[in-house]
Protein backbone atom coordinates (compact mmCIF):
# COMPACT_ATOMS: atom_id res chain seq x y z
CA MET A 1 46.31 125.60 78.39
CA ARG A 2 45.41 123.50 81.40
CA LEU A 3 46.40 119.85 81.28
CA THR A 4 44.06 117.07 82.34
CA GLY A 5 45.19 114.40 84.85
CA SER A 6 45.95 111.86 82.13
CA ARG A 7 47.91 114.38 80.08
CA VAL A 8 49.92 115.40 83.16
CA LYS A 9 50.87 111.79 83.79
CA SER A 10 51.83 111.36 80.15
CA THR A 11 53.98 114.51 80.23
CA VAL A 12 55.74 113.39 83.43
CA ARG A 13 56.47 110.01 81.91
CA ALA A 14 57.93 111.68 78.82
CA TRP A 15 60.18 113.92 80.92
CA ARG A 16 61.39 110.97 83.01
CA PHE A 17 62.22 109.05 79.84
CA ALA A 18 64.15 112.01 78.43
CA VAL A 19 66.12 112.43 81.67
CA ALA A 20 66.96 108.71 81.72
CA LEU A 21 68.25 108.90 78.15
CA LEU A 22 70.40 111.93 78.97
CA GLY A 23 71.82 110.16 82.04
CA ALA A 24 72.69 107.05 80.05
CA ALA A 25 74.36 109.16 77.38
CA ALA A 26 76.41 111.00 79.99
CA LEU A 27 77.57 107.78 81.61
CA SER A 28 78.56 106.33 78.25
CA VAL A 29 81.00 109.16 77.55
CA CYS A 30 82.35 109.75 81.05
CA VAL A 31 85.86 108.29 81.30
CA PRO A 32 87.99 108.87 84.43
CA ALA A 33 90.92 111.21 83.92
CA PHE A 34 93.23 108.39 84.96
CA GLY A 35 91.74 105.87 82.52
CA ALA A 36 95.09 105.32 80.83
CA ASP A 37 96.63 104.32 84.15
CA VAL A 38 93.70 102.38 85.61
CA PRO A 39 92.08 100.03 83.06
CA THR A 40 88.41 99.16 83.42
CA LEU A 41 87.29 95.59 82.92
CA GLY A 42 83.86 94.52 81.80
CA THR A 43 81.60 93.32 84.59
CA ASN A 44 80.34 90.28 82.68
CA ASN A 45 83.60 88.35 82.77
CA ALA A 46 85.57 90.18 85.47
CA GLN A 47 86.90 88.04 88.27
CA PRO A 48 88.42 89.04 91.60
CA ALA A 49 92.15 89.58 91.16
CA ALA A 50 94.36 86.86 92.64
CA PRO A 51 97.13 87.55 95.16
CA GLY A 52 100.30 88.56 93.34
CA THR A 53 98.48 90.22 90.44
CA LEU A 54 100.39 92.95 88.64
CA ASN A 55 98.12 95.91 89.29
CA TYR A 56 99.94 98.80 87.60
CA ILE A 57 103.16 99.55 85.72
CA GLN A 58 104.88 102.74 84.67
CA GLY A 59 108.06 102.87 82.60
CA THR A 60 110.32 99.82 82.32
CA VAL A 61 109.20 96.86 84.45
CA LEU A 62 110.59 93.32 84.12
CA LEU A 63 109.26 90.03 85.45
CA ASP A 64 111.95 87.33 85.39
CA GLY A 65 113.69 89.38 82.68
CA ASN A 66 110.58 89.74 80.51
CA GLN A 67 109.39 93.29 79.93
CA MET A 68 105.83 93.97 81.04
CA ASN A 69 103.32 96.13 79.17
CA ASN A 70 99.74 97.31 79.61
CA PHE A 71 98.38 93.92 78.51
CA ASN A 72 99.95 92.36 81.62
CA ILE A 73 98.09 94.67 83.99
CA GLY A 74 95.40 92.75 85.82
CA SER A 75 96.23 89.45 84.09
CA THR A 76 99.81 88.60 85.13
CA GLU A 77 100.59 87.15 88.55
CA VAL A 78 103.98 87.35 90.23
CA ALA A 79 104.31 83.74 91.36
CA PRO A 80 106.48 82.47 94.24
CA GLY A 81 110.11 82.44 93.15
CA GLN A 82 109.67 85.08 90.47
CA VAL A 83 111.53 88.40 90.50
CA LEU A 84 109.92 91.73 89.66
CA LYS A 85 112.28 94.54 88.73
CA THR A 86 111.97 98.18 87.72
CA ARG A 87 114.42 100.32 85.86
CA THR A 88 113.22 103.85 85.16
CA GLY A 89 109.70 103.00 86.21
CA LYS A 90 107.38 101.87 88.95
CA ALA A 91 105.14 98.90 89.61
CA GLU A 92 102.27 97.94 91.91
CA VAL A 93 101.35 94.41 92.95
CA LEU A 94 98.18 93.32 94.72
CA LEU A 95 99.48 91.12 97.54
CA ASP A 96 96.04 90.43 99.02
CA PRO A 97 92.70 92.26 98.95
CA GLY A 98 93.48 95.68 100.37
CA ILE A 99 97.29 95.18 100.46
CA TYR A 100 99.47 96.82 97.81
CA LEU A 101 103.21 96.45 97.18
CA ARG A 102 104.79 99.34 95.25
CA LEU A 103 108.27 99.37 93.72
CA ASP A 104 110.22 102.57 93.27
CA ASP A 105 112.57 103.22 90.34
CA TYR A 106 115.52 100.81 90.13
CA SER A 107 114.08 98.39 92.66
CA GLN A 108 113.74 94.61 92.78
CA VAL A 109 111.65 92.18 94.82
CA LYS A 110 111.33 88.42 94.92
CA MET A 111 107.97 86.87 95.70
CA LEU A 112 108.44 84.18 98.33
CA SER A 113 104.81 83.20 98.86
CA THR A 114 101.35 84.50 98.09
CA GLY A 115 98.10 84.01 99.95
CA ILE A 116 97.22 84.72 103.55
CA THR A 117 99.31 82.04 105.27
CA PRO A 118 101.69 83.73 104.77
CA THR A 119 102.18 86.46 102.19
CA GLN A 120 105.93 86.95 102.01
CA VAL A 121 108.13 89.08 99.75
CA GLU A 122 111.86 89.85 99.77
CA VAL A 123 113.24 93.29 98.91
CA GLU A 124 116.47 92.62 97.01
CA HIS A 125 117.29 96.09 95.74
CA GLY A 126 115.99 99.65 95.95
CA ARG A 127 112.89 100.78 97.82
CA VAL A 128 109.35 99.51 98.16
CA GLY A 129 106.22 100.79 99.85
CA VAL A 130 103.46 98.63 101.29
CA GLU A 131 99.98 100.06 101.75
CA VAL A 132 97.82 97.95 104.06
CA ASP A 133 94.18 98.99 103.98
CA GLN A 134 92.61 95.75 105.13
CA LEU A 135 94.11 93.15 107.44
CA PHE A 136 92.40 90.16 109.01
CA LYS A 137 93.53 87.88 111.81
CA GLN A 138 94.31 85.20 109.24
CA ASN A 139 96.71 87.48 107.33
CA VAL A 140 100.40 86.88 107.93
CA LEU A 141 102.19 89.65 106.03
CA LEU A 142 106.00 89.38 105.99
CA VAL A 143 108.68 91.47 104.28
CA VAL A 144 112.33 90.31 104.19
CA ASP A 145 115.01 92.98 103.84
CA ASN A 146 118.73 92.30 104.31
CA GLY A 147 117.82 88.84 105.62
CA VAL A 148 115.69 90.35 108.39
CA THR A 149 111.98 89.50 108.56
CA THR A 150 109.42 92.17 109.43
CA GLN A 151 105.75 91.41 110.02
CA LEU A 152 103.19 94.12 109.31
CA VAL A 153 100.53 93.72 111.97
CA LYS A 154 98.25 96.73 111.50
CA THR A 155 96.76 98.69 108.64
CA GLY A 156 98.94 101.60 107.54
CA TYR A 157 101.76 102.56 105.20
CA TYR A 158 105.32 101.16 105.35
CA GLU A 159 108.55 101.56 103.39
CA PHE A 160 111.60 99.31 103.07
CA ASN A 161 115.02 100.24 101.69
CA ALA A 162 117.37 97.44 100.63
CA ASN A 163 120.22 99.76 99.63
CA SER A 164 120.43 101.09 103.17
CA PRO A 165 118.45 98.42 105.05
CA MET A 166 115.64 100.15 106.90
CA VAL A 167 111.95 99.83 107.73
CA LYS A 168 109.92 103.01 108.13
CA VAL A 169 106.44 102.82 109.67
CA PHE A 170 104.54 105.90 108.58
CA SER A 171 101.34 104.60 110.15
CA GLY A 172 100.40 101.22 111.57
CA GLN A 173 102.66 98.84 113.46
CA ALA A 174 105.43 96.42 112.51
CA GLU A 175 107.37 93.76 114.40
CA VAL A 176 110.99 93.06 113.45
CA GLN A 177 112.52 89.66 114.18
CA MET A 178 115.80 90.10 116.05
CA SER A 179 118.84 87.87 115.67
CA ASN A 180 117.93 86.04 118.90
CA GLY A 181 114.48 85.18 117.57
CA ALA A 182 112.61 87.78 119.63
CA TRP A 183 110.39 90.39 117.97
CA LYS A 184 110.81 94.14 118.45
CA GLN A 185 107.86 96.47 117.90
CA VAL A 186 108.08 99.51 115.61
CA ASN A 187 105.18 101.96 115.88
CA GLY A 188 103.92 104.66 113.55
CA ARG A 189 106.35 107.45 112.62
CA HIS A 190 109.26 105.30 113.76
CA GLU A 191 112.03 103.64 111.76
CA MET A 192 114.56 100.92 112.46
CA ALA A 193 117.79 99.95 110.73
CA LEU A 194 117.80 96.35 109.50
CA ALA A 195 121.55 95.88 109.84
CA GLY A 196 122.92 94.70 113.16
CA VAL A 197 119.40 94.22 114.50
CA ALA A 198 120.68 92.77 117.77
CA GLN A 199 121.36 96.34 118.95
CA ALA A 200 118.89 98.16 116.67
CA LYS A 201 116.38 100.56 118.20
CA ALA A 202 113.33 102.26 116.72
CA THR A 203 113.71 106.02 116.39
CA LYS A 204 111.22 108.74 115.49
CA PHE A 205 111.16 110.42 112.09
CA GLN A 206 109.07 113.15 110.47
CA PRO A 207 107.47 112.22 107.11
CA ASN A 208 108.40 114.62 104.32
CA PRO A 209 106.34 114.11 101.14
CA THR A 210 108.40 116.67 99.21
CA GLU A 211 111.52 114.53 99.60
CA ASP A 212 110.02 111.03 99.57
CA THR A 213 108.94 110.48 95.97
CA LEU A 214 107.85 106.89 96.66
CA MET A 215 105.46 108.03 99.37
CA ASP A 216 104.16 110.81 97.14
CA TRP A 217 103.53 108.35 94.31
CA SER A 218 101.84 105.92 96.72
CA LYS A 219 99.49 108.70 97.82
CA LEU A 220 98.58 109.33 94.19
CA ARG A 221 97.97 105.62 93.55
CA SER A 222 95.87 105.50 96.69
CA GLN A 223 93.69 108.28 95.31
CA TYR A 224 93.33 106.55 91.94
CA LEU A 225 92.30 103.28 93.57
CA ALA A 226 89.73 105.01 95.74
CA GLU A 227 88.29 106.72 92.68
CA ALA A 228 88.26 103.44 90.75
CA ASN A 229 86.34 101.83 93.59
CA ARG A 230 83.91 104.75 93.57
CA GLN A 231 83.43 104.11 89.86
CA ASN A 232 82.25 100.62 90.86
CA ASN A 233 85.08 98.50 89.48
CA PRO A 234 85.93 96.33 92.50
CA TYR A 235 86.97 93.12 90.78
CA TYR A 236 90.16 94.36 89.14
CA TYR A 237 91.55 95.68 92.38
CA GLY A 238 90.97 92.49 94.31
CA TYR A 239 87.59 93.21 95.82
CA GLY A 240 84.68 91.00 95.06
CA PRO A 241 81.41 90.38 96.88
CA GLY A 242 82.04 89.95 100.58
CA TRP A 243 85.18 92.11 100.74
CA GLY A 244 83.39 95.43 101.07
CA PRO A 245 84.40 98.78 99.57
CA TRP A 246 87.80 100.40 99.47
CA TYR A 247 87.87 103.82 101.09
CA GLY A 248 91.33 105.17 100.44
CA GLY A 249 93.43 103.63 103.18
CA PRO A 250 96.06 105.39 105.27
CA PHE A 251 96.33 108.41 103.01
CA GLY A 252 92.64 109.32 102.90
CA TRP A 253 91.33 110.33 99.50
CA GLY A 254 90.26 113.89 99.06
CA TRP A 255 91.44 117.37 99.78
CA GLY A 256 92.17 118.85 103.16
CA PRO A 257 92.60 122.59 103.84
CA GLY A 258 96.21 123.60 103.44
CA TRP A 259 97.56 120.09 102.94
CA GLY A 260 96.52 118.96 99.45
CA TRP A 261 95.86 115.23 99.76
CA ARG A 262 94.38 114.37 103.13
CA TRP A 263 96.65 112.30 105.35
CA GLY A 264 95.47 109.35 107.34
CA TRP A 265 98.17 109.64 109.98
């Protein structure tokens, strides 16, 4: 049976309506595979996360001796002077938009200051990773380890070890303050001991994701955050209007032939 022009238009409208309903139904039931790890906030009352916000926890995490749980994620801020500690567990803190501090198992940090002038944290025990995806001229990002101050001056991924004082620059660039007040540059894929810094020199190292569990976990968190941003939930992760999207940082976020997660360095 041949359709007239008006009936064709009516049929097209009906099909479009049906497709729209199917799309809405699909969106309503689609939940990311990592939903248990990355909570989604409603867009009506969501606000950009403040510097120092507890972004993620896994296992046993304590803030000033008080155990954290899922209700603290996205709502609890690590204020200056407070101590965040992990036992068998890990934690992630949003230092600034696009800057993430990650604690390994049995690690402890003290927040010295939050905000961009400066953001300063002290590693008191264990290991931490810092992923820097966005850095502006106004940002002053400082990490204290063994009494030695290191400034992170470029986007990239960094690790600090308080048990055997060391800074490792996987990608990016850091500057370590020497005992005489001068600053020594540490480039990507270089590390420097933070004990006896008067004679310390930066040496090359080869990243090994199979041995560095903190780096491996940071890569996974990087992927989750990129996916969360793709799912259009920027407020929880510290991005609001004007900050722009988050694209996965130094690790990339996808699959590369023969390597698994793509590397950004």
